[in-house]
Amino acid sequence: MDDAPETPAPAPSGAPLGRQARLAVMALAVCALGALFWPRGSGDTAPAGLLLDASGRSATLGAHMAPVSLVHFWATWCPPCLTEIPAIQRLAAELSGEPGFGLVLVAVADDRDKVRSLMGEASNVVLHDTNWEVARRYGTKQLPETYLVVDGKVVEKWVGATDWDAPAQRAKVRAHLAGAAKPAA
């Protein structure tokens, strides 16, 4: 009599899968179907994102968007940003009476106290992207960068300091404002 343990015979090649294998196959099939049918935005749709408001509370980017919005990524530690901020604020003040226009200032990797010190009362509307998460979703690699978002789609991007007092820049924004969907009253 042999004391060696008996080795199980290999399962026939047509044998049904075990329970764990069936579950794994089903999970894989569900993932594949999910990837196939998951809704996707078009490539030009403006990314969304979660930011912080001036008080440090969570704020969604979408809640601050108008039919025509300039989304401006900047920081107090960025010298070109500091020269650009007054001009973009002048543009926003000029267009403030226009229904459907909005300026969204997003301070990237910045200190809220420094933003408050620089912007004063205007710092209350600044959103904060503490770790570049939303800025990277937009494709921002350097500051300042500004995106013109019309009816949820990015239609133009400016990289680096932009002269928002220039008639050509103002005309571009106004042209999109004239053709955008008007906000509900």
C-alpha atoms as a PDB file:
ATOM      1  CA  MET A   1       0.000   0.000   0.000  1.00  0.00           C
ATOM      2  CA  ASP A   2       1.312   3.375  -0.992  1.00  0.00           C
ATOM      3  CA  ASP A   3       1.196   6.252   1.569  1.00  0.00           C
ATOM      4  CA  ALA A   4       1.586   8.947  -1.082  1.00  0.00           C
ATOM      5  CA  PRO A   5      -1.381  11.342  -1.303  1.00  0.00           C
ATOM      6  CA  GLU A   6      -3.628  10.819  -4.223  1.00  0.00           C
ATOM      7  CA  THR A   7      -3.432  13.593  -6.813  1.00  0.00           C
ATOM      8  CA  PRO A   8      -6.762  14.634  -8.269  1.00  0.00           C
ATOM      9  CA  ALA A   9      -7.302  13.890 -11.888  1.00  0.00           C
ATOM     10  CA  PRO A  10      -7.311  16.965 -14.142  1.00  0.00           C
ATOM     11  CA  ALA A  11     -10.788  18.222 -14.977  1.00  0.00           C
ATOM     12  CA  PRO A  12     -11.938  17.366 -18.435  1.00  0.00           C
ATOM     13  CA  SER A  13     -11.559  20.272 -20.817  1.00  0.00           C
ATOM     14  CA  GLY A  14     -15.320  20.554 -21.289  1.00  0.00           C
ATOM     15  CA  ALA A  15     -16.051  20.723 -17.533  1.00  0.00           C
ATOM     16  CA  PRO A  16     -18.121  23.686 -16.286  1.00  0.00           C
ATOM     17  CA  LEU A  17     -16.355  26.608 -14.591  1.00  0.00           C
ATOM     18  CA  GLY A  18     -16.253  26.770 -10.830  1.00  0.00           C
ATOM     19  CA  ARG A  19     -18.348  29.351  -8.953  1.00  0.00           C
ATOM     20  CA  GLN A  20     -15.474  31.836  -8.495  1.00  0.00           C
ATOM     21  CA  ALA A  21     -14.510  31.614 -12.147  1.00  0.00           C
ATOM     22  CA  ARG A  22     -18.119  32.240 -13.228  1.00  0.00           C
ATOM     23  CA  LEU A  23     -18.327  35.276 -10.946  1.00  0.00           C
ATOM     24  CA  ALA A  24     -15.062  36.609 -12.330  1.00  0.00           C
ATOM     25  CA  VAL A  25     -16.289  36.195 -15.915  1.00  0.00           C
ATOM     26  CA  MET A  26     -19.576  37.927 -15.061  1.00  0.00           C
ATOM     27  CA  ALA A  27     -17.767  40.821 -13.377  1.00  0.00           C
ATOM     28  CA  LEU A  28     -15.525  41.190 -16.412  1.00  0.00           C
ATOM     29  CA  ALA A  29     -18.556  41.219 -18.723  1.00  0.00           C
ATOM     30  CA  VAL A  30     -20.289  43.876 -16.604  1.00  0.00           C
ATOM     31  CA  CYS A  31     -17.148  46.052 -16.659  1.00  0.00           C
ATOM     32  CA  ALA A  32     -16.811  45.678 -20.415  1.00  0.00           C
ATOM     33  CA  LEU A  33     -20.454  46.633 -20.974  1.00  0.00           C
ATOM     34  CA  GLY A  34     -20.112  49.563 -18.584  1.00  0.00           C
ATOM     35  CA  ALA A  35     -17.080  50.855 -20.463  1.00  0.00           C
ATOM     36  CA  LEU A  36     -18.915  50.461 -23.755  1.00  0.00           C
ATOM     37  CA  PHE A  37     -22.118  52.230 -22.735  1.00  0.00           C
ATOM     38  CA  TRP A  38     -20.916  54.723 -20.094  1.00  0.00           C
ATOM     39  CA  PRO A  39     -21.932  58.267 -21.150  1.00  0.00           C
ATOM     40  CA  ARG A  40     -19.074  60.400 -22.355  1.00  0.00           C
ATOM     41  CA  GLY A  41     -18.940  64.096 -23.015  1.00  0.00           C
ATOM     42  CA  SER A  42     -17.642  65.272 -26.317  1.00  0.00           C
ATOM     43  CA  GLY A  43     -14.009  66.328 -26.403  1.00  0.00           C
ATOM     44  CA  ASP A  44     -14.911  70.007 -26.358  1.00  0.00           C
ATOM     45  CA  THR A  45     -17.204  69.884 -23.319  1.00  0.00           C
ATOM     46  CA  ALA A  46     -15.905  71.924 -20.426  1.00  0.00           C
ATOM     47  CA  PRO A  47     -14.746  69.707 -17.564  1.00  0.00           C
ATOM     48  CA  ALA A  48     -16.539  69.931 -14.250  1.00  0.00           C
ATOM     49  CA  GLY A  49     -14.896  69.768 -10.901  1.00  0.00           C
ATOM     50  CA  LEU A  50     -15.041  70.252  -7.192  1.00  0.00           C
ATOM     51  CA  LEU A  51     -13.279  73.274  -5.794  1.00  0.00           C
ATOM     52  CA  LEU A  52     -13.266  75.189  -2.515  1.00  0.00           C
ATOM     53  CA  ASP A  53     -14.915  78.555  -2.005  1.00  0.00           C
ATOM     54  CA  ALA A  54     -13.359  81.445  -0.078  1.00  0.00           C
ATOM     55  CA  SER A  55     -14.545  79.912   3.206  1.00  0.00           C
ATOM     56  CA  GLY A  56     -12.997  76.523   2.443  1.00  0.00           C
ATOM     57  CA  ARG A  57     -16.326  74.796   1.714  1.00  0.00           C
ATOM     58  CA  SER A  58     -16.799  72.521  -1.281  1.00  0.00           C
ATOM     59  CA  ALA A  59     -18.077  74.288  -4.378  1.00  0.00           C
ATOM     60  CA  THR A  60     -18.847  72.885  -7.790  1.00  0.00           C
ATOM     61  CA  LEU A  61     -17.548  74.658 -10.843  1.00  0.00           C
ATOM     62  CA  GLY A  62     -20.813  74.171 -12.718  1.00  0.00           C
ATOM     63  CA  ALA A  63     -22.768  76.180 -10.147  1.00  0.00           C
ATOM     64  CA  HIS A  64     -20.640  79.227 -11.007  1.00  0.00           C
ATOM     65  CA  MET A  65     -20.878  78.962 -14.780  1.00  0.00           C
ATOM     66  CA  ALA A  66     -23.019  81.219 -16.968  1.00  0.00           C
ATOM     67  CA  PRO A  67     -23.951  80.545 -20.611  1.00  0.00           C
ATOM     68  CA  VAL A  68     -20.790  82.488 -21.536  1.00  0.00           C
ATOM     69  CA  SER A  69     -18.033  82.182 -18.949  1.00  0.00           C
ATOM     70  CA  LEU A  70     -14.378  82.970 -18.762  1.00  0.00           C
ATOM     71  CA  VAL A  71     -12.757  80.356 -16.525  1.00  0.00           C
ATOM     72  CA  HIS A  72      -9.475  81.895 -15.433  1.00  0.00           C
ATOM     73  CA  PHE A  73      -6.806  79.792 -13.687  1.00  0.00           C
ATOM     74  CA  TRP A  74      -4.265  81.946 -11.831  1.00  0.00           C
ATOM     75  CA  ALA A  75      -2.281  82.254  -8.575  1.00  0.00           C
ATOM     76  CA  THR A  76      -0.843  84.944  -6.333  1.00  0.00           C
ATOM     77  CA  TRP A  77       2.614  83.368  -6.726  1.00  0.00           C
ATOM     78  CA  CYS A  78       2.450  83.816 -10.529  1.00  0.00           C
ATOM     79  CA  PRO A  79       3.846  87.223 -11.641  1.00  0.00           C
ATOM     80  CA  PRO A  80       2.087  87.285 -15.064  1.00  0.00           C
ATOM     81  CA  CYS A  81      -1.188  86.442 -13.291  1.00  0.00           C
ATOM     82  CA  LEU A  82      -0.865  89.482 -11.074  1.00  0.00           C
ATOM     83  CA  THR A  83      -0.545  91.805 -14.072  1.00  0.00           C
ATOM     84  CA  GLU A  84      -3.485  90.140 -15.860  1.00  0.00           C
ATOM     85  CA  ILE A  85      -6.034  90.082 -13.003  1.00  0.00           C
ATOM     86  CA  PRO A  86      -6.917  93.817 -13.090  1.00  0.00           C
ATOM     87  CA  ALA A  87      -7.649  93.701 -16.836  1.00  0.00           C
ATOM     88  CA  ILE A  88      -9.845  90.610 -16.647  1.00  0.00           C
ATOM     89  CA  GLN A  89     -11.712  92.201 -13.733  1.00  0.00           C
ATOM     90  CA  ARG A  90     -12.290  95.345 -15.834  1.00  0.00           C
ATOM     91  CA  LEU A  91     -13.713  93.182 -18.623  1.00  0.00           C
ATOM     92  CA  ALA A  92     -15.988  91.396 -16.150  1.00  0.00           C
ATOM     93  CA  ALA A  93     -17.162  94.738 -14.699  1.00  0.00           C
ATOM     94  CA  GLU A  94     -17.911  96.028 -18.207  1.00  0.00           C
ATOM     95  CA  LEU A  95     -19.937  92.896 -19.027  1.00  0.00           C
ATOM     96  CA  SER A  96     -21.591  92.546 -15.613  1.00  0.00           C
ATOM     97  CA  GLY A  97     -24.851  94.018 -16.935  1.00  0.00           C
ATOM     98  CA  GLU A  98     -24.978  91.487 -19.757  1.00  0.00           C
ATOM     99  CA  PRO A  99     -27.268  88.581 -18.976  1.00  0.00           C
ATOM    100  CA  GLY A 100     -25.475  85.298 -19.436  1.00  0.00           C
ATOM    101  CA  PHE A 101     -21.894  86.396 -18.777  1.00  0.00           C
ATOM    102  CA  GLY A 102     -19.748  85.142 -15.932  1.00  0.00           C
ATOM    103  CA  LEU A 103     -16.150  85.257 -14.810  1.00  0.00           C
ATOM    104  CA  VAL A 104     -14.915  82.330 -12.752  1.00  0.00           C
ATOM    105  CA  LEU A 105     -11.594  83.002 -11.063  1.00  0.00           C
ATOM    106  CA  VAL A 106      -9.847  79.839  -9.904  1.00  0.00           C
ATOM    107  CA  ALA A 107      -6.785  80.258  -7.694  1.00  0.00           C
ATOM    108  CA  VAL A 108      -4.551  77.227  -8.236  1.00  0.00           C
ATOM    109  CA  ALA A 109      -2.370  75.787  -5.453  1.00  0.00           C
ATOM    110  CA  ASP A 110      -2.711  79.063  -3.611  1.00  0.00           C
ATOM    111  CA  ASP A 111      -3.188  80.237  -0.052  1.00  0.00           C
ATOM    112  CA  ARG A 112      -6.669  81.652   0.697  1.00  0.00           C
ATOM    113  CA  ASP A 113      -5.205  84.346   2.950  1.00  0.00           C
ATOM    114  CA  LYS A 114      -2.872  85.553   0.182  1.00  0.00           C
ATOM    115  CA  VAL A 115      -5.788  85.630  -2.267  1.00  0.00           C
ATOM    116  CA  ARG A 116      -7.863  87.590   0.268  1.00  0.00           C
ATOM    117  CA  SER A 117      -4.989  90.016   0.844  1.00  0.00           C
ATOM    118  CA  LEU A 118      -4.544  90.621  -2.892  1.00  0.00           C
ATOM    119  CA  MET A 119      -8.189  90.688  -3.972  1.00  0.00           C
ATOM    120  CA  GLY A 120      -9.932  92.215  -0.955  1.00  0.00           C
ATOM    121  CA  GLU A 121     -13.739  91.914  -1.204  1.00  0.00           C
ATOM    122  CA  ALA A 122     -13.432  90.346  -4.660  1.00  0.00           C
ATOM    123  CA  SER A 123     -11.796  87.298  -3.051  1.00  0.00           C
ATOM    124  CA  ASN A 124     -15.249  86.142  -1.921  1.00  0.00           C
ATOM    125  CA  VAL A 125     -16.021  84.901  -5.434  1.00  0.00           C
ATOM    126  CA  VAL A 126     -12.648  83.242  -6.047  1.00  0.00           C
ATOM    127  CA  LEU A 127     -12.691  79.454  -6.125  1.00  0.00           C
ATOM    128  CA  HIS A 128      -9.661  77.437  -5.052  1.00  0.00           C
ATOM    129  CA  ASP A 129      -8.142  74.435  -6.814  1.00  0.00           C
ATOM    130  CA  THR A 130      -5.735  73.348  -4.105  1.00  0.00           C
ATOM    131  CA  ASN A 131      -4.017  70.545  -6.031  1.00  0.00           C
ATOM    132  CA  TRP A 132      -4.444  71.417  -9.748  1.00  0.00           C
ATOM    133  CA  GLU A 133      -7.204  68.798 -10.104  1.00  0.00           C
ATOM    134  CA  VAL A 134      -9.696  70.946 -12.044  1.00  0.00           C
ATOM    135  CA  ALA A 135      -6.981  72.915 -13.829  1.00  0.00           C
ATOM    136  CA  ARG A 136      -5.482  69.672 -15.151  1.00  0.00           C
ATOM    137  CA  ARG A 137      -8.908  68.473 -16.316  1.00  0.00           C
ATOM    138  CA  TYR A 138      -9.008  71.575 -18.501  1.00  0.00           C
ATOM    139  CA  GLY A 139      -5.514  70.837 -19.773  1.00  0.00           C
ATOM    140  CA  THR A 140      -3.850  73.674 -17.893  1.00  0.00           C
ATOM    141  CA  LYS A 141      -0.116  73.199 -17.586  1.00  0.00           C
ATOM    142  CA  GLN A 142       0.965  76.705 -16.710  1.00  0.00           C
ATOM    143  CA  LEU A 143      -0.551  79.848 -15.280  1.00  0.00           C
ATOM    144  CA  PRO A 144      -2.311  81.982 -16.202  1.00  0.00           C
ATOM    145  CA  GLU A 145      -4.680  80.186 -18.555  1.00  0.00           C
ATOM    146  CA  THR A 146      -8.185  81.264 -19.480  1.00  0.00           C
ATOM    147  CA  TYR A 147     -10.942  79.300 -21.173  1.00  0.00           C
ATOM    148  CA  LEU A 148     -13.974  80.762 -22.899  1.00  0.00           C
ATOM    149  CA  VAL A 149     -16.829  78.358 -22.212  1.00  0.00           C
ATOM    150  CA  VAL A 150     -20.009  78.892 -24.225  1.00  0.00           C
ATOM    151  CA  ASP A 151     -23.072  76.802 -23.436  1.00  0.00           C
ATOM    152  CA  GLY A 152     -20.900  74.188 -21.737  1.00  0.00           C
ATOM    153  CA  LYS A 153     -18.284  73.909 -24.472  1.00  0.00           C
ATOM    154  CA  VAL A 154     -14.744  75.268 -24.487  1.00  0.00           C
ATOM    155  CA  VAL A 155     -14.532  77.473 -27.574  1.00  0.00           C
ATOM    156  CA  GLU A 156     -11.258  79.269 -26.960  1.00  0.00           C
ATOM    157  CA  LYS A 157      -8.188  79.017 -24.760  1.00  0.00           C
ATOM    158  CA  TRP A 158      -5.619  81.675 -23.915  1.00  0.00           C
ATOM    159  CA  VAL A 159      -2.271  80.584 -22.494  1.00  0.00           C
ATOM    160  CA  GLY A 160      -0.163  83.118 -20.650  1.00  0.00           C
ATOM    161  CA  ALA A 161      -0.991  86.684 -19.723  1.00  0.00           C
ATOM    162  CA  THR A 162      -3.647  88.121 -22.018  1.00  0.00           C
ATOM    163  CA  ASP A 163      -4.460  91.765 -22.551  1.00  0.00           C
ATOM    164  CA  TRP A 164      -8.163  91.770 -21.680  1.00  0.00           C
ATOM    165  CA  ASP A 165      -8.295  95.516 -22.365  1.00  0.00           C
ATOM    166  CA  ALA A 166      -7.490  94.845 -26.038  1.00  0.00           C
ATOM    167  CA  PRO A 167     -10.499  95.466 -28.298  1.00  0.00           C
ATOM    168  CA  ALA A 168      -9.917  92.167 -30.152  1.00  0.00           C
ATOM    169  CA  GLN A 169     -10.199  90.092 -26.946  1.00  0.00           C
ATOM    170  CA  ARG A 170     -13.302  91.955 -25.828  1.00  0.00           C
ATOM    171  CA  ALA A 171     -14.878  91.556 -29.266  1.00  0.00           C
ATOM    172  CA  LYS A 172     -14.356  87.760 -29.158  1.00  0.00           C
ATOM    173  CA  VAL A 173     -16.128  87.503 -25.823  1.00  0.00           C
ATOM    174  CA  ARG A 174     -18.942  89.845 -26.927  1.00  0.00           C
ATOM    175  CA  ALA A 175     -19.467  87.911 -30.172  1.00  0.00           C
ATOM    176  CA  HIS A 176     -19.967  84.677 -28.238  1.00  0.00           C
ATOM    177  CA  LEU A 177     -22.194  86.455 -25.737  1.00  0.00           C
ATOM    178  CA  ALA A 178     -24.441  87.641 -28.578  1.00  0.00           C
ATOM    179  CA  GLY A 179     -24.863  84.085 -29.893  1.00  0.00           C
ATOM    180  CA  ALA A 180     -25.121  82.114 -26.641  1.00  0.00           C
ATOM    181  CA  ALA A 181     -28.273  80.700 -25.110  1.00  0.00           C
ATOM    182  CA  LYS A 182     -29.838  83.215 -22.782  1.00  0.00           C
ATOM    183  CA  PRO A 183     -30.259  82.206 -19.130  1.00  0.00           C
ATOM    184  CA  ALA A 184     -33.728  81.307 -17.887  1.00  0.00           C
ATOM    185  CA  ALA A 185     -35.496  84.186 -16.160  1.00  0.00           C
END
